[in-house]
C-alpha atoms as a PDB file:
ATOM      1  CA  MET A   1      50.499 -39.653   1.882  1.00  0.00           C
ATOM      2  CA  ALA A   2      52.402 -41.969   4.233  1.00  0.00           C
ATOM      3  CA  MET A   3      53.961 -38.963   6.012  1.00  0.00           C
ATOM      4  CA  GLY A   4      50.447 -37.533   6.456  1.00  0.00           C
ATOM      5  CA  ILE A   5      49.284 -40.786   8.030  1.00  0.00           C
ATOM      6  CA  MET A   6      52.300 -40.856  10.294  1.00  0.00           C
ATOM      7  CA  ALA A   7      51.616 -37.227  11.313  1.00  0.00           C
ATOM      8  CA  PHE A   8      48.026 -38.041  12.150  1.00  0.00           C
ATOM      9  CA  THR A   9      49.213 -41.156  14.185  1.00  0.00           C
ATOM     10  CA  ALA A  10      51.810 -39.132  16.080  1.00  0.00           C
ATOM     11  CA  PHE A  11      49.254 -36.445  16.934  1.00  0.00           C
ATOM     12  CA  LYS A  12      46.883 -39.217  18.294  1.00  0.00           C
ATOM     13  CA  GLN A  13      49.633 -40.563  20.431  1.00  0.00           C
ATOM     14  CA  ASP A  14      50.467 -37.081  21.787  1.00  0.00           C
ATOM     15  CA  GLU A  15      53.914 -37.089  20.116  1.00  0.00           C
ATOM     16  CA  GLU A  16      53.738 -33.442  19.184  1.00  0.00           C
ATOM     17  CA  PRO A  17      57.373 -32.894  17.995  1.00  0.00           C
ATOM     18  CA  TRP A  18      57.125 -35.984  15.720  1.00  0.00           C
ATOM     19  CA  ALA A  19      53.760 -34.948  14.451  1.00  0.00           C
ATOM     20  CA  TRP A  20      54.831 -31.430  13.511  1.00  0.00           C
ATOM     21  CA  SER A  21      57.924 -32.921  11.871  1.00  0.00           C
ATOM     22  CA  PHE A  22      55.858 -35.317   9.773  1.00  0.00           C
ATOM     23  CA  ALA A  23      53.342 -32.480   8.966  1.00  0.00           C
ATOM     24  CA  ILE A  24      56.190 -30.387   7.613  1.00  0.00           C
ATOM     25  CA  ALA A  25      57.603 -33.328   5.549  1.00  0.00           C
ATOM     26  CA  THR A  26      54.065 -33.904   4.180  1.00  0.00           C
ATOM     27  CA  ILE A  27      53.933 -30.318   2.905  1.00  0.00           C
ATOM     28  CA  LEU A  28      57.413 -30.572   1.540  1.00  0.00           C
ATOM     29  CA  PHE A  29      56.753 -33.830  -0.394  1.00  0.00           C
ATOM     30  CA  ASN A  30      53.202 -33.233  -1.432  1.00  0.00           C
ATOM     31  CA  PRO A  31      52.282 -33.852  -5.093  1.00  0.00           C
ATOM     32  CA  LEU A  32      49.551 -31.233  -5.392  1.00  0.00           C
ATOM     33  CA  PHE A  33      51.682 -28.176  -4.930  1.00  0.00           C
ATOM     34  CA  PRO A  34      55.182 -29.099  -5.973  1.00  0.00           C
ATOM     35  CA  ILE A  35      58.132 -27.324  -4.589  1.00  0.00           C
ATOM     36  CA  HIS A  36      60.885 -26.786  -7.184  1.00  0.00           C
ATOM     37  CA  LEU A  37      64.426 -27.370  -5.929  1.00  0.00           C
ATOM     38  CA  SER A  38      67.556 -28.489  -7.643  1.00  0.00           C
ATOM     39  CA  ARG A  39      68.230 -32.202  -8.002  1.00  0.00           C
ATOM     40  CA  ASN A  40      71.117 -32.144  -5.459  1.00  0.00           C
ATOM     41  CA  ILE A  41      68.917 -30.593  -2.819  1.00  0.00           C
ATOM     42  CA  TRP A  42      66.126 -33.132  -3.432  1.00  0.00           C
ATOM     43  CA  ALA A  43      68.640 -35.974  -3.222  1.00  0.00           C
ATOM     44  CA  PHE A  44      69.784 -34.649   0.170  1.00  0.00           C
ATOM     45  CA  LEU A  45      66.208 -34.237   1.307  1.00  0.00           C
ATOM     46  CA  ASP A  46      65.300 -37.691   0.235  1.00  0.00           C
ATOM     47  CA  ILE A  47      68.139 -39.191   2.260  1.00  0.00           C
ATOM     48  CA  ILE A  48      67.244 -37.089   5.391  1.00  0.00           C
ATOM     49  CA  ALA A  49      63.569 -38.039   5.023  1.00  0.00           C
ATOM     50  CA  GLY A  50      64.413 -41.679   4.756  1.00  0.00           C
ATOM     51  CA  LEU A  51      66.642 -41.565   7.897  1.00  0.00           C
ATOM     52  CA  PHE A  52      63.859 -39.506   9.674  1.00  0.00           C
ATOM     53  CA  ILE A  53      61.257 -42.140   8.945  1.00  0.00           C
ATOM     54  CA  ILE A  54      63.486 -45.072  10.119  1.00  0.00           C
ATOM     55  CA  ILE A  55      64.421 -43.267  13.329  1.00  0.00           C
ATOM     56  CA  SER A  56      60.872 -42.189  14.033  1.00  0.00           C
ATOM     57  CA  ILE A  57      59.583 -45.766  13.741  1.00  0.00           C
ATOM     58  CA  TYR A  58      61.668 -46.747  16.825  1.00  0.00           C
ATOM     59  CA  PHE A  59      60.740 -43.686  18.840  1.00  0.00           C
ATOM     60  CA  VAL A  60      57.058 -43.576  18.112  1.00  0.00           C
ATOM     61  CA  ARG A  61      56.629 -47.356  18.438  1.00  0.00           C
ATOM     62  CA  GLY A  62      58.735 -47.431  21.623  1.00  0.00           C
ATOM     63  CA  ASN A  63      56.601 -44.755  23.208  1.00  0.00           C
ATOM     64  CA  LEU A  64      53.487 -46.656  22.218  1.00  0.00           C
ATOM     65  CA  LYS A  65      54.831 -49.846  23.891  1.00  0.00           C
ATOM     66  CA  GLU A  66      55.647 -47.932  27.041  1.00  0.00           C
ATOM     67  CA  ARG A  67      52.137 -46.569  27.179  1.00  0.00           C
ATOM     68  CA  GLN A  68      50.525 -49.952  26.732  1.00  0.00           C
ATOM     69  CA  ASN A  69      52.689 -51.418  29.569  1.00  0.00           C
ATOM     70  CA  ASN A  70      51.681 -48.586  31.928  1.00  0.00           C
ATOM     71  CA  VAL A  71      47.906 -49.087  31.321  1.00  0.00           C
END
């Protein structure tokens, strides 16, 4: 659900690459229609998703601060 909220927020901020990335992650990690992969693949995807979230916080928040300063 957090990825979905982040996708929505990124779309509102016109951060389309981030928004689409979060939308794809939302589909991948959704609980309603599970995707069955091996444990090793899920472990790798979990690490990548965690890094993705941490990195995105700085980029999306940084772009928001730039827009607020320009207004």
